[in-house]
Every structure is written in C-alpha cells, then in structure tokens.
Amino acid sequence: MKNLLFIIFTFSSIQFYAQNQRFSYEYKFVSDSTARDKSETELMYLDVSKNGSKFYSRDKAVADSVMKVIDKKGSNDFSGIKFGRVQYIIEKTYPDYKIQFFNHIDTDEFKVSDDRKIEWKILPDQQKIGEFTAQKAVGEFAGRQWIAWFTTDIPFQDGPYKFNGLPGLIVKIEDKTNSHSFTLKEVKKLKADEIWASQNDHQRYEPLVILNQEKYKRQFIDYRNNPTKGMRQLMSQGGKVTFTDANGKELDTSKMMRDQEKRAKENNAKDNNLLELDLLQ
C-alpha cells in the first residue's frame, strides 16, 4: 500500500507541477578520450507536459526551424546554420516513463525503445545546486557509473537524457570519469500553445525504422564500420548520388564516396567516448 500511495502521489505531482515547463541543461562532454582537455558544451532542453517530456538540443531545434523556412523558399543554401553536435531526441511518457529515442544513422531515421532501468542508490549527501537543495544518488547505465543530484522541490521523477526514477527532478548528473555532465541552468514556464510535439507526428519522406535497443546497437556498429553503406545501397538499387562543388560542377562520385568514407571513419575514431559507452562494446 505504501508503494501504491507513492505512485499516486508522484503522478499527482506531475499533473500539478508539469504544466508546460522547460528545464534548460548545460551539457558538457568529451568526445575523444585521448583529448580530455577538449570538452564541448551544448544547451539542451527538457520540455515537460502532463503527458511526458521531450529532451533535445536547442541548436538542433533552431536549425530545423531555419531549414524549414529555407526549404519553403525553394533555396538550398544552408550556410551559416549552427546545427549543433547533439542530433538525437528523447521522449518519455508519464506516468510509466517509457523511453523512445529518435536518431538518424546514415540515410535512416530510427525510433528506439529503451526499457533499461537504473538501480539507483540514494545517499544522504546534500548540496546546493543553483537555487535547489539536492540529494545525491549513484547508479549504473549504458556502461558508465553516474552520480546524480535530485531535488524534491520539483517532485517528479524525470531528468536529462534517458535518466529518471529518482524521487525528484535530476538537477545535475555526471559520470565518474567526468566525460559527460548535465547541469540545470534555468526553469521556464511555457505558454499553453508551446506544448511539445512528438517526433512520431513529424512529417518525413521515409517512415521511421522501429527497433529495440539491441537491434539499434547492431545498426550503430554497422554504420561506424560502413559509413557510406546507405548511399551505396541506394546506388545499387538504381538511385543516383551526385556531388557538386560550390559552382555546381559535378564531381567524381567514386572519389567523393571514398573521401567521405575516410573522413567518417577518422571522425568516428575520435568520437570514442560516447555517453552510452556500451554501444561500442
């Protein structure tokens, strides 16, 4: 009965508090484990409504909006747009906190269900983070050990990325190697018409590829090993892939494909410190 009362209280708290709120997190990350002094930063949004949350990059959201305007004008000049490094989007439903992860790999867009649960250990340590008094918890997820700080001042069990399941909002979380961290910077109430729209309803030319976590991992590894596989498959099916220079002159496709594959593999080699480290294992 005690657990049932806790669940009812938590869901009521979500309905009461989570009325179109935006929680802005500073995401700091080190992509290359051999260059730990070169960290990057991106501003992330956790938009919350009574039905669930959506976690995404501010830069990606702005870039997507600008690209839609450019596309309507019939232009293909996307120069000057800041696309950001973080391209995935994560949605969680309330009150069950089911996770859907959306991400592009090569020419496909994937929707990945992730039912992994974090076994949190709540500790007595407390500290002030921003304006909130937060309590410490530790847990393991996706090949990393995590230290989280949550506040019961915001009484629902969500947080940045896929993190959830603590008795309050996660206001800071970092892995033990200090490779990835999210810190809450701002809380903002959104207008009634600013409720987030699901990626499931997003207009697209090709349907989503729906996978579970294990099948997505296989696709992810396959892409890292064969970064131009999608284009080569398209060409083998009669599709045409062309490359042009700044003046519109068509370039040698075979050479451009080889160059692109080489660059992709070089970039992948430097992108070896993923948040979900077990994707590479």
C-alpha atoms as a PDB file:
ATOM      1  CA  MET A   1       0.000   0.000   0.000  1.00  0.00           C
ATOM      2  CA  LYS A   2       2.882   2.367   0.759  1.00  0.00           C
ATOM      3  CA  ASN A   3       4.301   1.930  -2.786  1.00  0.00           C
ATOM      4  CA  LEU A   4       0.870   2.487  -4.332  1.00  0.00           C
ATOM      5  CA  LEU A   5       0.440   5.705  -2.373  1.00  0.00           C
ATOM      6  CA  PHE A   6       3.867   6.862  -3.537  1.00  0.00           C
ATOM      7  CA  ILE A   7       2.969   6.222  -7.185  1.00  0.00           C
ATOM      8  CA  ILE A   8      -0.328   8.080  -6.834  1.00  0.00           C
ATOM      9  CA  PHE A   9       1.405  10.976  -5.132  1.00  0.00           C
ATOM     10  CA  THR A  10       4.087  11.111  -7.815  1.00  0.00           C
ATOM     11  CA  PHE A  11       1.604  11.110 -10.702  1.00  0.00           C
ATOM     12  CA  SER A  12      -0.483  13.798  -8.980  1.00  0.00           C
ATOM     13  CA  SER A  13       2.679  15.852  -8.530  1.00  0.00           C
ATOM     14  CA  ILE A  14       3.445  15.517 -12.245  1.00  0.00           C
ATOM     15  CA  GLN A  15      -0.037  16.708 -13.162  1.00  0.00           C
ATOM     16  CA  PHE A  16       0.201  19.616 -10.729  1.00  0.00           C
ATOM     17  CA  TYR A  17       3.736  20.802 -11.457  1.00  0.00           C
ATOM     18  CA  ALA A  18       4.463  19.737 -15.025  1.00  0.00           C
ATOM     19  CA  GLN A  19       2.268  22.189 -16.882  1.00  0.00           C
ATOM     20  CA  ASN A  20       4.401  23.068 -19.890  1.00  0.00           C
ATOM     21  CA  GLN A  21       7.716  23.679 -18.179  1.00  0.00           C
ATOM     22  CA  ARG A  22      11.121  23.945 -19.833  1.00  0.00           C
ATOM     23  CA  PHE A  23      14.232  22.886 -17.959  1.00  0.00           C
ATOM     24  CA  SER A  24      17.434  24.051 -19.652  1.00  0.00           C
ATOM     25  CA  TYR A  25      20.569  21.981 -19.056  1.00  0.00           C
ATOM     26  CA  GLU A  26      24.175  22.712 -19.872  1.00  0.00           C
ATOM     27  CA  TYR A  27      25.618  19.562 -21.392  1.00  0.00           C
ATOM     28  CA  LYS A  28      29.406  19.229 -21.225  1.00  0.00           C
ATOM     29  CA  PHE A  29      31.054  16.295 -22.948  1.00  0.00           C
ATOM     30  CA  VAL A  30      34.412  14.956 -24.068  1.00  0.00           C
ATOM     31  CA  SER A  31      34.105  13.130 -27.402  1.00  0.00           C
ATOM     32  CA  ASP A  32      37.697  11.900 -27.696  1.00  0.00           C
ATOM     33  CA  SER A  33      39.133  10.046 -24.711  1.00  0.00           C
ATOM     34  CA  THR A  34      42.654  10.810 -25.963  1.00  0.00           C
ATOM     35  CA  ALA A  35      41.989  14.577 -25.817  1.00  0.00           C
ATOM     36  CA  ARG A  36      40.261  15.026 -22.481  1.00  0.00           C
ATOM     37  CA  ASP A  37      41.182  18.720 -22.320  1.00  0.00           C
ATOM     38  CA  LYS A  38      38.942  19.434 -25.349  1.00  0.00           C
ATOM     39  CA  SER A  39      35.443  19.462 -23.912  1.00  0.00           C
ATOM     40  CA  GLU A  40      32.377  20.737 -25.745  1.00  0.00           C
ATOM     41  CA  THR A  41      29.189  22.353 -24.493  1.00  0.00           C
ATOM     42  CA  GLU A  42      25.643  22.339 -25.818  1.00  0.00           C
ATOM     43  CA  LEU A  43      22.420  23.735 -24.381  1.00  0.00           C
ATOM     44  CA  MET A  44      19.725  21.084 -24.020  1.00  0.00           C
ATOM     45  CA  TYR A  45      16.003  21.457 -23.349  1.00  0.00           C
ATOM     46  CA  LEU A  46      13.793  19.152 -21.298  1.00  0.00           C
ATOM     47  CA  ASP A  47      10.242  20.230 -22.170  1.00  0.00           C
ATOM     48  CA  VAL A  48       7.671  18.780 -19.810  1.00  0.00           C
ATOM     49  CA  SER A  49       3.890  18.498 -20.044  1.00  0.00           C
ATOM     50  CA  LYS A  50       1.383  16.419 -18.099  1.00  0.00           C
ATOM     51  CA  ASN A  51       1.736  13.578 -20.631  1.00  0.00           C
ATOM     52  CA  GLY A  52       5.517  13.348 -20.756  1.00  0.00           C
ATOM     53  CA  SER A  53       8.792  15.022 -21.672  1.00  0.00           C
ATOM     54  CA  LYS A  54      10.960  15.717 -24.691  1.00  0.00           C
ATOM     55  CA  PHE A  55      14.735  16.181 -24.482  1.00  0.00           C
ATOM     56  CA  TYR A  56      16.592  17.817 -27.361  1.00  0.00           C
ATOM     57  CA  SER A  57      19.298  20.282 -28.393  1.00  0.00           C
ATOM     58  CA  ARG A  58      18.448  23.966 -28.675  1.00  0.00           C
ATOM     59  CA  ASP A  59      20.812  24.298 -31.656  1.00  0.00           C
ATOM     60  CA  LYS A  60      19.088  21.426 -33.461  1.00  0.00           C
ATOM     61  CA  ALA A  61      15.640  22.918 -32.833  1.00  0.00           C
ATOM     62  CA  VAL A  62      16.692  26.339 -34.162  1.00  0.00           C
ATOM     63  CA  ALA A  63      18.452  24.786 -37.181  1.00  0.00           C
ATOM     64  CA  ASP A  64      15.396  22.666 -38.027  1.00  0.00           C
ATOM     65  CA  SER A  65      13.159  25.756 -37.929  1.00  0.00           C
ATOM     66  CA  VAL A  66      15.501  27.771 -40.150  1.00  0.00           C
ATOM     67  CA  MET A  67      15.797  24.904 -42.633  1.00  0.00           C
ATOM     68  CA  LYS A  68      12.017  24.655 -42.946  1.00  0.00           C
ATOM     69  CA  VAL A  69      11.850  28.363 -43.843  1.00  0.00           C
ATOM     70  CA  ILE A  70      14.674  27.999 -46.372  1.00  0.00           C
ATOM     71  CA  ASP A  71      13.037  24.919 -47.886  1.00  0.00           C
ATOM     72  CA  LYS A  72       9.726  26.759 -48.334  1.00  0.00           C
ATOM     73  CA  LYS A  73      11.583  29.461 -50.224  1.00  0.00           C
ATOM     74  CA  GLY A  74      12.987  26.805 -52.575  1.00  0.00           C
ATOM     75  CA  SER A  75      16.567  27.521 -51.601  1.00  0.00           C
ATOM     76  CA  ASN A  76      19.312  25.035 -50.810  1.00  0.00           C
ATOM     77  CA  ASP A  77      21.724  27.460 -49.157  1.00  0.00           C
ATOM     78  CA  PHE A  78      22.114  26.234 -45.595  1.00  0.00           C
ATOM     79  CA  SER A  79      25.383  28.070 -44.926  1.00  0.00           C
ATOM     80  CA  GLY A  80      25.665  29.825 -41.597  1.00  0.00           C
ATOM     81  CA  ILE A  81      23.309  27.459 -39.766  1.00  0.00           C
ATOM     82  CA  LYS A  82      24.596  26.159 -36.441  1.00  0.00           C
ATOM     83  CA  PHE A  83      23.438  22.541 -36.393  1.00  0.00           C
ATOM     84  CA  GLY A  84      24.987  21.555 -33.072  1.00  0.00           C
ATOM     85  CA  ARG A  85      26.582  18.229 -32.188  1.00  0.00           C
ATOM     86  CA  VAL A  86      23.612  16.579 -30.495  1.00  0.00           C
ATOM     87  CA  GLN A  87      21.115  15.335 -33.071  1.00  0.00           C
ATOM     88  CA  TYR A  88      19.102  12.773 -31.101  1.00  0.00           C
ATOM     89  CA  ILE A  89      15.725  13.427 -29.453  1.00  0.00           C
ATOM     90  CA  ILE A  90      14.354  11.540 -26.444  1.00  0.00           C
ATOM     91  CA  GLU A  91      10.722  11.308 -25.406  1.00  0.00           C
ATOM     92  CA  LYS A  92       9.376   9.848 -22.158  1.00  0.00           C
ATOM     93  CA  THR A  93       5.726   9.172 -21.387  1.00  0.00           C
ATOM     94  CA  TYR A  94       4.142   9.750 -17.963  1.00  0.00           C
ATOM     95  CA  PRO A  95       3.487   8.092 -15.609  1.00  0.00           C
ATOM     96  CA  ASP A  96       5.232   4.940 -16.893  1.00  0.00           C
ATOM     97  CA  TYR A  97       8.396   6.730 -18.149  1.00  0.00           C
ATOM     98  CA  LYS A  98       8.631   4.650 -21.303  1.00  0.00           C
ATOM     99  CA  ILE A  99      11.550   5.909 -23.385  1.00  0.00           C
ATOM    100  CA  GLN A 100      11.652   6.478 -27.141  1.00  0.00           C
ATOM    101  CA  PHE A 101      14.982   7.510 -28.669  1.00  0.00           C
ATOM    102  CA  PHE A 102      14.981   9.142 -32.127  1.00  0.00           C
ATOM    103  CA  ASN A 103      18.158   9.424 -34.160  1.00  0.00           C
ATOM    104  CA  HIS A 104      19.403   9.448 -37.746  1.00  0.00           C
ATOM    105  CA  ILE A 105      22.069   6.988 -38.876  1.00  0.00           C
ATOM    106  CA  ASP A 106      23.207   7.485 -42.446  1.00  0.00           C
ATOM    107  CA  THR A 107      20.030   7.727 -44.565  1.00  0.00           C
ATOM    108  CA  ASP A 108      17.655   6.185 -41.987  1.00  0.00           C
ATOM    109  CA  GLU A 109      15.803   7.661 -39.029  1.00  0.00           C
ATOM    110  CA  PHE A 110      15.355   5.282 -36.110  1.00  0.00           C
ATOM    111  CA  LYS A 111      12.894   5.120 -33.245  1.00  0.00           C
ATOM    112  CA  VAL A 112      14.361   3.003 -30.479  1.00  0.00           C
ATOM    113  CA  SER A 113      12.514   1.756 -27.420  1.00  0.00           C
ATOM    114  CA  ASP A 114      14.735   1.513 -24.355  1.00  0.00           C
ATOM    115  CA  ASP A 115      13.382  -0.331 -21.319  1.00  0.00           C
ATOM    116  CA  ARG A 116      16.603  -0.469 -19.313  1.00  0.00           C
ATOM    117  CA  LYS A 117      16.108   0.590 -15.705  1.00  0.00           C
ATOM    118  CA  ILE A 118      18.662   2.282 -13.476  1.00  0.00           C
ATOM    119  CA  GLU A 119      19.013   0.795  -9.996  1.00  0.00           C
ATOM    120  CA  TRP A 120      19.649   3.964  -8.025  1.00  0.00           C
ATOM    121  CA  LYS A 121      21.275   4.032  -4.588  1.00  0.00           C
ATOM    122  CA  ILE A 122      20.188   7.163  -2.739  1.00  0.00           C
ATOM    123  CA  LEU A 123      22.802   8.593  -0.372  1.00  0.00           C
ATOM    124  CA  PRO A 124      22.408  11.092   2.498  1.00  0.00           C
ATOM    125  CA  ASP A 125      24.757  13.692   0.963  1.00  0.00           C
ATOM    126  CA  GLN A 126      23.164  17.030   0.097  1.00  0.00           C
ATOM    127  CA  GLN A 127      24.375  20.186  -1.615  1.00  0.00           C
ATOM    128  CA  LYS A 128      23.006  23.379  -3.093  1.00  0.00           C
ATOM    129  CA  ILE A 129      22.855  23.335  -6.898  1.00  0.00           C
ATOM    130  CA  GLY A 130      21.640  26.642  -8.239  1.00  0.00           C
ATOM    131  CA  GLU A 131      18.580  27.570  -6.215  1.00  0.00           C
ATOM    132  CA  PHE A 132      17.754  23.986  -5.254  1.00  0.00           C
ATOM    133  CA  THR A 133      18.774  21.775  -2.356  1.00  0.00           C
ATOM    134  CA  ALA A 134      19.740  18.484  -3.965  1.00  0.00           C
ATOM    135  CA  GLN A 135      20.428  14.980  -2.686  1.00  0.00           C
ATOM    136  CA  LYS A 136      22.967  12.523  -4.065  1.00  0.00           C
ATOM    137  CA  ALA A 137      22.308   9.208  -5.785  1.00  0.00           C
ATOM    138  CA  VAL A 138      24.523   6.821  -7.713  1.00  0.00           C
ATOM    139  CA  GLY A 139      23.711   4.267 -10.394  1.00  0.00           C
ATOM    140  CA  GLU A 140      24.988   2.482 -13.494  1.00  0.00           C
ATOM    141  CA  PHE A 141      23.677   2.996 -17.006  1.00  0.00           C
ATOM    142  CA  ALA A 142      24.930   2.215 -20.525  1.00  0.00           C
ATOM    143  CA  GLY A 143      28.446   1.241 -19.499  1.00  0.00           C
ATOM    144  CA  ARG A 144      29.068   4.139 -17.136  1.00  0.00           C
ATOM    145  CA  GLN A 145      28.761   4.876 -13.425  1.00  0.00           C
ATOM    146  CA  TRP A 146      26.741   8.015 -12.731  1.00  0.00           C
ATOM    147  CA  ILE A 147      26.497  10.469  -9.853  1.00  0.00           C
ATOM    148  CA  ALA A 148      23.146  12.273  -9.768  1.00  0.00           C
ATOM    149  CA  TRP A 149      21.769  15.095  -7.683  1.00  0.00           C
ATOM    150  CA  PHE A 150      17.984  15.393  -7.467  1.00  0.00           C
ATOM    151  CA  THR A 151      15.611  17.814  -5.775  1.00  0.00           C
ATOM    152  CA  THR A 152      12.241  17.017  -4.254  1.00  0.00           C
ATOM    153  CA  ASP A 153      11.398  20.724  -4.692  1.00  0.00           C
ATOM    154  CA  ILE A 154      10.393  19.647  -8.219  1.00  0.00           C
ATOM    155  CA  PRO A 155       8.504  16.456  -7.357  1.00  0.00           C
ATOM    156  CA  PHE A 156       8.599  14.292 -10.440  1.00  0.00           C
ATOM    157  CA  GLN A 157      10.975  11.549 -11.432  1.00  0.00           C
ATOM    158  CA  ASP A 158      12.479  12.891 -14.652  1.00  0.00           C
ATOM    159  CA  GLY A 159      15.814  14.289 -15.741  1.00  0.00           C
ATOM    160  CA  PRO A 160      18.041  14.971 -18.744  1.00  0.00           C
ATOM    161  CA  TYR A 161      18.717  12.366 -21.427  1.00  0.00           C
ATOM    162  CA  LYS A 162      17.179   8.980 -20.505  1.00  0.00           C
ATOM    163  CA  PHE A 163      17.732   9.445 -16.780  1.00  0.00           C
ATOM    164  CA  ASN A 164      14.709   9.090 -14.490  1.00  0.00           C
ATOM    165  CA  GLY A 165      13.413   7.157 -11.489  1.00  0.00           C
ATOM    166  CA  LEU A 166      14.530   9.312  -8.550  1.00  0.00           C
ATOM    167  CA  PRO A 167      12.005  10.965  -6.179  1.00  0.00           C
ATOM    168  CA  GLY A 168      12.572  14.406  -7.693  1.00  0.00           C
ATOM    169  CA  LEU A 169      13.944  16.113 -10.784  1.00  0.00           C
ATOM    170  CA  ILE A 170      17.619  15.445 -11.538  1.00  0.00           C
ATOM    171  CA  VAL A 171      19.308  18.862 -11.480  1.00  0.00           C
ATOM    172  CA  LYS A 172      22.823  17.578 -12.091  1.00  0.00           C
ATOM    173  CA  ILE A 173      24.304  14.299 -13.257  1.00  0.00           C
ATOM    174  CA  GLU A 174      27.816  13.333 -14.333  1.00  0.00           C
ATOM    175  CA  ASP A 175      29.698  10.118 -14.956  1.00  0.00           C
ATOM    176  CA  LYS A 176      32.641   9.154 -12.771  1.00  0.00           C
ATOM    177  CA  THR A 177      35.201   9.891 -15.487  1.00  0.00           C
ATOM    178  CA  ASN A 178      33.878  13.477 -15.874  1.00  0.00           C
ATOM    179  CA  SER A 179      33.314  12.814 -19.570  1.00  0.00           C
ATOM    180  CA  HIS A 180      29.607  13.723 -19.622  1.00  0.00           C
ATOM    181  CA  SER A 181      27.618  16.018 -17.350  1.00  0.00           C
ATOM    182  CA  PHE A 182      24.242  17.773 -17.377  1.00  0.00           C
ATOM    183  CA  THR A 183      23.562  20.727 -15.080  1.00  0.00           C
ATOM    184  CA  LEU A 184      20.236  22.529 -14.748  1.00  0.00           C
ATOM    185  CA  LYS A 185      20.611  26.227 -15.588  1.00  0.00           C
ATOM    186  CA  GLU A 186      17.092  27.595 -16.000  1.00  0.00           C
ATOM    187  CA  VAL A 187      13.445  26.771 -15.356  1.00  0.00           C
ATOM    188  CA  LYS A 188      10.871  28.456 -17.569  1.00  0.00           C
ATOM    189  CA  LYS A 189       7.107  28.168 -17.796  1.00  0.00           C
ATOM    190  CA  LEU A 190       5.956  27.751 -21.384  1.00  0.00           C
ATOM    191  CA  LYS A 191       2.762  29.062 -22.911  1.00  0.00           C
ATOM    192  CA  ALA A 192      -0.219  26.798 -23.426  1.00  0.00           C
ATOM    193  CA  ASP A 193       0.452  26.615 -27.173  1.00  0.00           C
ATOM    194  CA  GLU A 194       4.131  25.684 -26.687  1.00  0.00           C
ATOM    195  CA  ILE A 195       3.468  22.088 -25.663  1.00  0.00           C
ATOM    196  CA  TRP A 196       5.966  19.833 -27.394  1.00  0.00           C
ATOM    197  CA  ALA A 197       5.031  17.815 -30.456  1.00  0.00           C
ATOM    198  CA  SER A 198       6.070  14.170 -30.678  1.00  0.00           C
ATOM    199  CA  GLN A 199       8.584  13.054 -33.288  1.00  0.00           C
ATOM    200  CA  ASN A 200       6.081  10.332 -34.137  1.00  0.00           C
ATOM    201  CA  ASP A 201       3.942  13.039 -35.759  1.00  0.00           C
ATOM    202  CA  HIS A 202       6.819  14.706 -37.610  1.00  0.00           C
ATOM    203  CA  GLN A 203       6.430  14.871 -41.395  1.00  0.00           C
ATOM    204  CA  ARG A 204       9.069  12.820 -43.180  1.00  0.00           C
ATOM    205  CA  TYR A 205       9.717  11.393 -46.618  1.00  0.00           C
ATOM    206  CA  GLU A 206      10.605   7.923 -45.363  1.00  0.00           C
ATOM    207  CA  PRO A 207       8.978   6.007 -42.483  1.00  0.00           C
ATOM    208  CA  LEU A 208      10.713   5.585 -39.152  1.00  0.00           C
ATOM    209  CA  VAL A 209      12.711   2.414 -38.648  1.00  0.00           C
ATOM    210  CA  ILE A 210      11.451   0.979 -35.351  1.00  0.00           C
ATOM    211  CA  LEU A 211      13.949  -1.069 -33.324  1.00  0.00           C
ATOM    212  CA  ASN A 212      14.698  -2.187 -29.806  1.00  0.00           C
ATOM    213  CA  GLN A 213      17.939  -1.210 -28.092  1.00  0.00           C
ATOM    214  CA  GLU A 214      19.865  -4.354 -29.054  1.00  0.00           C
ATOM    215  CA  LYS A 215      18.992  -4.140 -32.754  1.00  0.00           C
ATOM    216  CA  TYR A 216      19.819  -0.426 -32.782  1.00  0.00           C
ATOM    217  CA  LYS A 217      23.244  -1.214 -31.335  1.00  0.00           C
ATOM    218  CA  ARG A 218      23.934  -3.571 -34.242  1.00  0.00           C
ATOM    219  CA  GLN A 219      22.882  -0.875 -36.729  1.00  0.00           C
ATOM    220  CA  PHE A 220      25.076   1.677 -34.966  1.00  0.00           C
ATOM    221  CA  ILE A 221      28.180  -0.522 -35.109  1.00  0.00           C
ATOM    222  CA  ASP A 222      27.487  -1.443 -38.728  1.00  0.00           C
ATOM    223  CA  TYR A 223      27.345   2.239 -39.691  1.00  0.00           C
ATOM    224  CA  ARG A 224      30.629   3.010 -37.965  1.00  0.00           C
ATOM    225  CA  ASN A 225      32.243   0.190 -39.924  1.00  0.00           C
ATOM    226  CA  ASN A 226      30.484   1.096 -43.210  1.00  0.00           C
ATOM    227  CA  PRO A 227      29.683   4.842 -43.117  1.00  0.00           C
ATOM    228  CA  THR A 228      28.637   5.109 -46.786  1.00  0.00           C
ATOM    229  CA  LYS A 229      26.589   1.907 -46.829  1.00  0.00           C
ATOM    230  CA  GLY A 230      23.262   3.721 -47.251  1.00  0.00           C
ATOM    231  CA  MET A 231      24.402   5.659 -50.316  1.00  0.00           C
ATOM    232  CA  ARG A 232      25.952   2.568 -51.879  1.00  0.00           C
ATOM    233  CA  GLN A 233      22.720   0.636 -51.378  1.00  0.00           C
ATOM    234  CA  LEU A 234      20.776   3.478 -52.971  1.00  0.00           C
ATOM    235  CA  MET A 235      23.081   3.416 -55.984  1.00  0.00           C
ATOM    236  CA  SER A 236      22.834  -0.381 -56.303  1.00  0.00           C
ATOM    237  CA  GLN A 237      19.045  -0.025 -56.485  1.00  0.00           C
ATOM    238  CA  GLY A 238      19.277   2.418 -59.383  1.00  0.00           C
ATOM    239  CA  GLY A 239      19.333   5.619 -57.364  1.00  0.00           C
ATOM    240  CA  LYS A 240      21.678   8.415 -58.278  1.00  0.00           C
ATOM    241  CA  VAL A 241      24.089  10.123 -55.896  1.00  0.00           C
ATOM    242  CA  THR A 242      25.867  13.224 -57.171  1.00  0.00           C
ATOM    243  CA  PHE A 243      28.366  15.619 -55.617  1.00  0.00           C
ATOM    244  CA  THR A 244      28.929  19.166 -56.850  1.00  0.00           C
ATOM    245  CA  ASP A 245      31.370  21.916 -55.986  1.00  0.00           C
ATOM    246  CA  ALA A 246      30.463  25.489 -54.991  1.00  0.00           C
ATOM    247  CA  ASN A 247      29.961  26.406 -58.654  1.00  0.00           C
ATOM    248  CA  GLY A 248      27.621  23.496 -59.328  1.00  0.00           C
ATOM    249  CA  LYS A 249      30.198  21.459 -61.241  1.00  0.00           C
ATOM    250  CA  GLU A 250      29.618  17.712 -60.847  1.00  0.00           C
ATOM    251  CA  LEU A 251      32.462  15.870 -59.159  1.00  0.00           C
ATOM    252  CA  ASP A 252      33.673  12.283 -59.477  1.00  0.00           C
ATOM    253  CA  THR A 253      31.226  10.211 -57.408  1.00  0.00           C
ATOM    254  CA  SER A 254      33.550   7.292 -56.693  1.00  0.00           C
ATOM    255  CA  LYS A 255      36.335   9.536 -55.417  1.00  0.00           C
ATOM    256  CA  MET A 256      33.931  11.610 -53.304  1.00  0.00           C
ATOM    257  CA  MET A 257      32.481   8.453 -51.753  1.00  0.00           C
ATOM    258  CA  ARG A 258      35.950   7.185 -50.878  1.00  0.00           C
ATOM    259  CA  ASP A 259      36.909  10.555 -49.389  1.00  0.00           C
ATOM    260  CA  GLN A 260      33.676  10.742 -47.418  1.00  0.00           C
ATOM    261  CA  GLU A 261      34.120   7.248 -46.013  1.00  0.00           C
ATOM    262  CA  LYS A 262      37.689   8.031 -44.989  1.00  0.00           C
ATOM    263  CA  ARG A 263      36.628  11.245 -43.207  1.00  0.00           C
ATOM    264  CA  ALA A 264      33.747   9.472 -41.476  1.00  0.00           C
ATOM    265  CA  LYS A 265      35.999   6.728 -40.143  1.00  0.00           C
ATOM    266  CA  GLU A 266      38.550   9.287 -38.952  1.00  0.00           C
ATOM    267  CA  ASN A 267      35.788  11.216 -37.160  1.00  0.00           C
ATOM    268  CA  ASN A 268      34.404   8.012 -35.638  1.00  0.00           C
ATOM    269  CA  ALA A 269      37.844   7.135 -34.307  1.00  0.00           C
ATOM    270  CA  LYS A 270      37.896  10.456 -32.452  1.00  0.00           C
ATOM    271  CA  ASP A 271      34.288  10.013 -31.294  1.00  0.00           C
ATOM    272  CA  ASN A 272      35.236   7.143 -29.000  1.00  0.00           C
ATOM    273  CA  ASN A 273      33.913   8.397 -25.656  1.00  0.00           C
ATOM    274  CA  LEU A 274      30.166   8.080 -26.177  1.00  0.00           C
ATOM    275  CA  LEU A 275      27.677   8.794 -23.420  1.00  0.00           C
ATOM    276  CA  GLU A 276      26.371   5.257 -23.943  1.00  0.00           C
ATOM    277  CA  LEU A 277      29.772   3.647 -23.856  1.00  0.00           C
ATOM    278  CA  ASP A 278      28.360   0.135 -24.187  1.00  0.00           C
ATOM    279  CA  LEU A 279      27.324   0.887 -27.780  1.00  0.00           C
ATOM    280  CA  LEU A 280      30.964   0.275 -28.682  1.00  0.00           C
ATOM    281  CA  GLN A 281      31.354  -2.895 -26.618  1.00  0.00           C
END
